[in-house]
């Protein structure tokens, strides 16, 4: 039977890794468990009813400058 490590022991072991070793460990972890450590993308909130789309507002916006 394999010895069981505590979370603290695992974290202590990870803390001793170099950045390259940690990167390799992360890749192996993702492959072994079929997961990704990428941060989730932010989900945009739905527009209010009747709100004009932002792209339309940007296209129709007039910029005026003043001459000195």
PDB file of N, CA and C in Angstrom:
ATOM      1  N   UNK A   1       0.836  -1.182   0.000  1.00  0.00           N
ATOM      2  CA  UNK A   1       0.000   0.000   0.000  1.00  0.00           C
ATOM      3  C   UNK A   1       0.878   1.241   0.000  1.00  0.00           C
ATOM      4  N   UNK A   2       0.557   2.193  -0.848  1.00  0.00           N
ATOM      5  CA  UNK A   2       1.323   3.423  -0.963  1.00  0.00           C
ATOM      6  C   UNK A   2       1.059   4.337   0.223  1.00  0.00           C
ATOM      7  N   UNK A   3       2.086   5.078   0.604  1.00  0.00           N
ATOM      8  CA  UNK A   3       1.931   6.044   1.692  1.00  0.00           C
ATOM      9  C   UNK A   3       1.088   7.214   1.202  1.00  0.00           C
ATOM     10  N   UNK A   4       0.282   7.757   2.080  1.00  0.00           N
ATOM     11  CA  UNK A   4      -0.566   8.895   1.740  1.00  0.00           C
ATOM     12  C   UNK A   4       0.101  10.163   2.236  1.00  0.00           C
ATOM     13  N   UNK A   5       0.221  11.138   1.341  1.00  0.00           N
ATOM     14  CA  UNK A   5       0.789  12.428   1.702  1.00  0.00           C
ATOM     15  C   UNK A   5      -0.319  13.371   2.140  1.00  0.00           C
ATOM     16  N   UNK A   6       0.007  14.238   3.075  1.00  0.00           N
ATOM     17  CA  UNK A   6      -0.953  15.257   3.479  1.00  0.00           C
ATOM     18  C   UNK A   6      -0.881  16.405   2.466  1.00  0.00           C
ATOM     19  N   UNK A   7      -1.892  17.237   2.462  1.00  0.00           N
ATOM     20  CA  UNK A   7      -1.886  18.413   1.589  1.00  0.00           C
ATOM     21  C   UNK A   7      -0.674  19.290   1.885  1.00  0.00           C
ATOM     22  N   UNK A   8      -0.341  19.426   3.140  1.00  0.00           N
ATOM     23  CA  UNK A   8       0.794  20.253   3.534  1.00  0.00           C
ATOM     24  C   UNK A   8       2.105  19.685   2.968  1.00  0.00           C
ATOM     25  N   UNK A   9       2.258  18.366   2.997  1.00  0.00           N
ATOM     26  CA  UNK A   9       3.456  17.745   2.444  1.00  0.00           C
ATOM     27  C   UNK A   9       3.538  17.961   0.923  1.00  0.00           C
ATOM     28  N   UNK A  10       2.405  17.863   0.266  1.00  0.00           N
ATOM     29  CA  UNK A  10       2.364  18.091  -1.186  1.00  0.00           C
ATOM     30  C   UNK A  10       2.753  19.530  -1.496  1.00  0.00           C
ATOM     31  N   UNK A  11       2.172  20.488  -0.773  1.00  0.00           N
ATOM     32  CA  UNK A  11       2.481  21.901  -0.992  1.00  0.00           C
ATOM     33  C   UNK A  11       3.944  22.209  -0.685  1.00  0.00           C
ATOM     34  N   UNK A  12       4.491  21.592   0.355  1.00  0.00           N
ATOM     35  CA  UNK A  12       5.904  21.785   0.673  1.00  0.00           C
ATOM     36  C   UNK A  12       6.780  21.260  -0.460  1.00  0.00           C
ATOM     37  N   UNK A  13       6.426  20.128  -1.032  1.00  0.00           N
ATOM     38  CA  UNK A  13       7.172  19.577  -2.158  1.00  0.00           C
ATOM     39  C   UNK A  13       7.099  20.479  -3.376  1.00  0.00           C
ATOM     40  N   UNK A  14       5.921  21.012  -3.661  1.00  0.00           N
ATOM     41  CA  UNK A  14       5.740  21.924  -4.795  1.00  0.00           C
ATOM     42  C   UNK A  14       6.550  23.198  -4.576  1.00  0.00           C
ATOM     43  N   UNK A  15       6.606  23.683  -3.349  1.00  0.00           N
ATOM     44  CA  UNK A  15       7.336  24.918  -3.039  1.00  0.00           C
ATOM     45  C   UNK A  15       8.826  24.780  -3.342  1.00  0.00           C
ATOM     46  N   UNK A  16       9.342  23.564  -3.348  1.00  0.00           N
ATOM     47  CA  UNK A  16      10.767  23.338  -3.613  1.00  0.00           C
ATOM     48  C   UNK A  16      11.080  23.231  -5.104  1.00  0.00           C
ATOM     49  N   UNK A  17      10.070  23.179  -5.959  1.00  0.00           N
ATOM     50  CA  UNK A  17      10.288  23.036  -7.397  1.00  0.00           C
ATOM     51  C   UNK A  17      10.725  24.349  -8.025  1.00  0.00           C
ATOM     52  N   UNK A  18      11.497  24.231  -9.101  1.00  0.00           N
ATOM     53  CA  UNK A  18      11.836  25.418  -9.888  1.00  0.00           C
ATOM     54  C   UNK A  18      10.613  25.767 -10.736  1.00  0.00           C
ATOM     55  N   UNK A  19      10.636  26.927 -11.361  1.00  0.00           N
ATOM     56  CA  UNK A  19       9.518  27.351 -12.204  1.00  0.00           C
ATOM     57  C   UNK A  19       9.345  26.368 -13.364  1.00  0.00           C
ATOM     58  N   UNK A  20      10.447  25.929 -13.948  1.00  0.00           N
ATOM     59  CA  UNK A  20      10.367  24.985 -15.073  1.00  0.00           C
ATOM     60  C   UNK A  20       9.787  23.646 -14.607  1.00  0.00           C
ATOM     61  N   UNK A  21      10.235  23.153 -13.461  1.00  0.00           N
ATOM     62  CA  UNK A  21       9.700  21.899 -12.926  1.00  0.00           C
ATOM     63  C   UNK A  21       8.213  22.029 -12.621  1.00  0.00           C
ATOM     64  N   UNK A  22       7.812  23.166 -12.092  1.00  0.00           N
ATOM     65  CA  UNK A  22       6.403  23.400 -11.782  1.00  0.00           C
ATOM     66  C   UNK A  22       5.570  23.437 -13.060  1.00  0.00           C
ATOM     67  N   UNK A  23       6.096  24.072 -14.097  1.00  0.00           N
ATOM     68  CA  UNK A  23       5.405  24.121 -15.381  1.00  0.00           C
ATOM     69  C   UNK A  23       5.211  22.720 -15.947  1.00  0.00           C
ATOM     70  N   UNK A  24       6.259  21.895 -15.879  1.00  0.00           N
ATOM     71  CA  UNK A  24       6.166  20.513 -16.365  1.00  0.00           C
ATOM     72  C   UNK A  24       5.162  19.709 -15.539  1.00  0.00           C
ATOM     73  N   UNK A  25       5.180  19.910 -14.231  1.00  0.00           N
ATOM     74  CA  UNK A  25       4.230  19.212 -13.355  1.00  0.00           C
ATOM     75  C   UNK A  25       2.801  19.594 -13.710  1.00  0.00           C
ATOM     76  N   UNK A  26       2.580  20.873 -13.955  1.00  0.00           N
ATOM     77  CA  UNK A  26       1.247  21.355 -14.306  1.00  0.00           C
ATOM     78  C   UNK A  26       0.761  20.716 -15.602  1.00  0.00           C
ATOM     79  N   UNK A  27       1.642  20.649 -16.608  1.00  0.00           N
ATOM     80  CA  UNK A  27       1.275  20.027 -17.883  1.00  0.00           C
ATOM     81  C   UNK A  27       0.920  18.556 -17.689  1.00  0.00           C
ATOM     82  N   UNK A  28       1.723  17.839 -16.912  1.00  0.00           N
ATOM     83  CA  UNK A  28       1.454  16.420 -16.648  1.00  0.00           C
ATOM     84  C   UNK A  28       0.143  16.244 -15.877  1.00  0.00           C
ATOM     85  N   UNK A  29      -0.107  17.138 -14.932  1.00  0.00           N
ATOM     86  CA  UNK A  29      -1.346  17.092 -14.149  1.00  0.00           C
ATOM     87  C   UNK A  29      -2.555  17.266 -15.066  1.00  0.00           C
ATOM     88  N   UNK A  30      -2.475  18.254 -15.968  1.00  0.00           N
ATOM     89  CA  UNK A  30      -3.577  18.519 -16.901  1.00  0.00           C
ATOM     90  C   UNK A  30      -3.822  17.314 -17.801  1.00  0.00           C
ATOM     91  N   UNK A  31      -2.744  16.701 -18.303  1.00  0.00           N
ATOM     92  CA  UNK A  31      -2.886  15.538 -19.177  1.00  0.00           C
ATOM     93  C   UNK A  31      -3.452  14.339 -18.432  1.00  0.00           C
ATOM     94  N   UNK A  32      -2.940  14.079 -17.254  1.00  0.00           N
ATOM     95  CA  UNK A  32      -3.374  12.904 -16.484  1.00  0.00           C
ATOM     96  C   UNK A  32      -4.847  12.985 -16.087  1.00  0.00           C
ATOM     97  N   UNK A  33      -5.292  14.166 -15.683  1.00  0.00           N
ATOM     98  CA  UNK A  33      -6.650  14.295 -15.166  1.00  0.00           C
ATOM     99  C   UNK A  33      -7.622  14.938 -16.153  1.00  0.00           C
ATOM    100  N   UNK A  34      -7.142  15.305 -17.340  1.00  0.00           N
ATOM    101  CA  UNK A  34      -8.020  15.876 -18.360  1.00  0.00           C
ATOM    102  C   UNK A  34      -8.633  17.199 -17.958  1.00  0.00           C
ATOM    103  N   UNK A  35      -7.842  18.007 -17.273  1.00  0.00           N
ATOM    104  CA  UNK A  35      -8.329  19.320 -16.829  1.00  0.00           C
ATOM    105  C   UNK A  35      -7.375  20.389 -17.323  1.00  0.00           C
ATOM    106  N   UNK A  36      -7.756  21.643 -17.140  1.00  0.00           N
ATOM    107  CA  UNK A  36      -6.876  22.753 -17.473  1.00  0.00           C
ATOM    108  C   UNK A  36      -6.848  23.724 -16.309  1.00  0.00           C
ATOM    109  N   UNK A  37      -5.707  24.357 -16.130  1.00  0.00           N
ATOM    110  CA  UNK A  37      -5.561  25.319 -15.040  1.00  0.00           C
ATOM    111  C   UNK A  37      -5.759  26.744 -15.517  1.00  0.00           C
ATOM    112  N   UNK A  38      -6.227  26.909 -16.735  1.00  0.00           N
ATOM    113  CA  UNK A  38      -6.459  28.251 -17.273  1.00  0.00           C
ATOM    114  C   UNK A  38      -7.571  28.937 -16.491  1.00  0.00           C
ATOM    115  N   UNK A  39      -7.411  30.231 -16.310  1.00  0.00           N
ATOM    116  CA  UNK A  39      -8.441  31.005 -15.618  1.00  0.00           C
ATOM    117  C   UNK A  39      -9.694  31.063 -16.485  1.00  0.00           C
ATOM    118  N   UNK A  40     -10.866  30.937 -15.874  1.00  0.00           N
ATOM    119  CA  UNK A  40     -12.092  31.013 -16.662  1.00  0.00           C
ATOM    120  C   UNK A  40     -12.286  32.403 -17.257  1.00  0.00           C
ATOM    121  N   UNK A  41     -12.838  32.438 -18.431  1.00  0.00           N
ATOM    122  CA  UNK A  41     -13.109  33.718 -19.095  1.00  0.00           C
ATOM    123  C   UNK A  41     -14.296  34.395 -18.415  1.00  0.00           C
ATOM    124  N   UNK A  42     -14.227  35.692 -18.343  1.00  0.00           N
ATOM    125  CA  UNK A  42     -15.334  36.449 -17.760  1.00  0.00           C
ATOM    126  C   UNK A  42     -16.532  36.396 -18.696  1.00  0.00           C
ATOM    127  N   UNK A  43     -17.691  36.250 -18.119  1.00  0.00           N
ATOM    128  CA  UNK A  43     -18.927  36.203 -18.896  1.00  0.00           C
ATOM    129  C   UNK A  43     -19.552  37.588 -18.874  1.00  0.00           C
ATOM    130  N   UNK A  44     -19.842  38.111 -20.032  1.00  0.00           N
ATOM    131  CA  UNK A  44     -20.450  39.439 -20.120  1.00  0.00           C
ATOM    132  C   UNK A  44     -21.906  39.379 -19.682  1.00  0.00           C
ATOM    133  N   UNK A  45     -22.336  40.393 -18.989  1.00  0.00           N
ATOM    134  CA  UNK A  45     -23.737  40.473 -18.569  1.00  0.00           C
ATOM    135  C   UNK A  45     -24.596  40.821 -19.780  1.00  0.00           C
ATOM    136  N   UNK A  46     -25.809  40.292 -19.835  1.00  0.00           N
ATOM    137  CA  UNK A  46     -26.687  40.618 -20.969  1.00  0.00           C
ATOM    138  C   UNK A  46     -27.059  42.105 -20.966  1.00  0.00           C
ATOM    139  N   UNK A  47     -27.244  42.642 -22.143  1.00  0.00           N
ATOM    140  CA  UNK A  47     -27.614  44.059 -22.269  1.00  0.00           C
ATOM    141  C   UNK A  47     -29.042  44.273 -21.792  1.00  0.00           C
ATOM    142  N   UNK A  48     -29.310  45.454 -21.311  1.00  0.00           N
ATOM    143  CA  UNK A  48     -30.665  45.796 -20.882  1.00  0.00           C
ATOM    144  C   UNK A  48     -31.580  45.831 -22.098  1.00  0.00           C
ATOM    145  N   UNK A  49     -32.827  45.535 -21.879  1.00  0.00           N
ATOM    146  CA  UNK A  49     -33.799  45.526 -22.978  1.00  0.00           C
ATOM    147  C   UNK A  49     -33.829  46.888 -23.659  1.00  0.00           C
ATOM    148  N   UNK A  50     -33.732  46.892 -24.976  1.00  0.00           N
ATOM    149  CA  UNK A  50     -33.784  48.120 -25.745  1.00  0.00           C
ATOM    150  C   UNK A  50     -32.480  48.895 -25.786  1.00  0.00           C
ATOM    151  N   UNK A  51     -31.438  48.348 -25.169  1.00  0.00           N
ATOM    152  CA  UNK A  51     -30.157  49.048 -25.173  1.00  0.00           C
ATOM    153  C   UNK A  51     -29.502  48.930 -26.546  1.00  0.00           C
ATOM    154  N   UNK A  52     -28.892  50.005 -26.977  1.00  0.00           N
ATOM    155  CA  UNK A  52     -28.221  50.028 -28.270  1.00  0.00           C
ATOM    156  C   UNK A  52     -26.899  49.272 -28.137  1.00  0.00           C
ATOM    157  N   UNK A  53     -26.577  48.383 -29.075  1.00  0.00           N
ATOM    158  CA  UNK A  53     -25.310  47.644 -28.993  1.00  0.00           C
ATOM    159  C   UNK A  53     -24.120  48.592 -28.993  1.00  0.00           C
ATOM    160  N   UNK A  54     -23.081  48.224 -28.254  1.00  0.00           N
ATOM    161  CA  UNK A  54     -21.898  49.065 -28.132  1.00  0.00           C
ATOM    162  C   UNK A  54     -21.257  49.326 -29.487  1.00  0.00           C
ATOM    163  N   UNK A  55     -21.190  48.313 -30.345  1.00  0.00           N
ATOM    164  CA  UNK A  55     -20.547  48.511 -31.650  1.00  0.00           C
ATOM    165  C   UNK A  55     -21.276  49.581 -32.459  1.00  0.00           C
ATOM    166  N   UNK A  56     -22.581  49.638 -32.380  1.00  0.00           N
ATOM    167  CA  UNK A  56     -23.333  50.665 -33.110  1.00  0.00           C
ATOM    168  C   UNK A  56     -23.029  52.041 -32.533  1.00  0.00           C
ATOM    169  N   UNK A  57     -22.965  52.133 -31.220  1.00  0.00           N
ATOM    170  CA  UNK A  57     -22.673  53.420 -30.595  1.00  0.00           C
ATOM    171  C   UNK A  57     -21.287  53.905 -30.994  1.00  0.00           C
ATOM    172  N   UNK A  58     -20.327  52.998 -31.071  1.00  0.00           N
ATOM    173  CA  UNK A  58     -18.972  53.393 -31.435  1.00  0.00           C
ATOM    174  C   UNK A  58     -18.886  53.816 -32.895  1.00  0.00           C
ATOM    175  N   UNK A  59     -19.622  53.145 -33.768  1.00  0.00           N
ATOM    176  CA  UNK A  59     -19.575  53.488 -35.191  1.00  0.00           C
ATOM    177  C   UNK A  59     -20.246  54.818 -35.473  1.00  0.00           C
ATOM    178  N   UNK A  60     -21.293  55.150 -34.743  1.00  0.00           N
ATOM    179  CA  UNK A  60     -22.058  56.357 -35.037  1.00  0.00           C
ATOM    180  C   UNK A  60     -21.621  57.559 -34.210  1.00  0.00           C
ATOM    181  N   UNK A  61     -20.699  57.368 -33.309  1.00  0.00           N
ATOM    182  CA  UNK A  61     -20.240  58.458 -32.446  1.00  0.00           C
ATOM    183  C   UNK A  61     -19.423  59.450 -33.258  1.00  0.00           C
ATOM    184  N   UNK A  62     -19.726  60.704 -33.135  1.00  0.00           N
ATOM    185  CA  UNK A  62     -19.025  61.765 -33.845  1.00  0.00           C
ATOM    186  C   UNK A  62     -18.023  62.417 -32.902  1.00  0.00           C
ATOM    187  N   UNK A  63     -16.827  62.564 -33.375  1.00  0.00           N
ATOM    188  CA  UNK A  63     -15.809  63.221 -32.582  1.00  0.00           C
ATOM    189  C   UNK A  63     -15.532  64.581 -33.196  1.00  0.00           C
ATOM    190  N   UNK A  64     -15.649  65.612 -32.400  1.00  0.00           N
ATOM    191  CA  UNK A  64     -15.402  66.950 -32.904  1.00  0.00           C
ATOM    192  C   UNK A  64     -14.160  67.515 -32.235  1.00  0.00           C
ATOM    193  N   UNK A  65     -13.407  68.263 -32.970  1.00  0.00           N
ATOM    194  CA  UNK A  65     -12.228  68.909 -32.407  1.00  0.00           C
ATOM    195  C   UNK A  65     -12.353  70.403 -32.609  1.00  0.00           C
ATOM    196  N   UNK A  66     -11.694  71.147 -31.788  1.00  0.00           N
ATOM    197  CA  UNK A  66     -11.714  72.602 -31.928  1.00  0.00           C
ATOM    198  C   UNK A  66     -10.358  73.070 -32.407  1.00  0.00           C
ATOM    199  N   UNK A  67     -10.339  74.052 -33.271  1.00  0.00           N
ATOM    200  CA  UNK A  67      -9.088  74.627 -33.757  1.00  0.00           C
ATOM    201  C   UNK A  67      -8.748  75.843 -32.946  1.00  0.00           C
ATOM    202  N   UNK A  68      -7.469  76.025 -32.736  1.00  0.00           N
ATOM    203  CA  UNK A  68      -7.025  77.189 -31.946  1.00  0.00           C
ATOM    204  C   UNK A  68      -6.797  78.375 -32.841  1.00  0.00           C
TER     205      UNK A  68
END
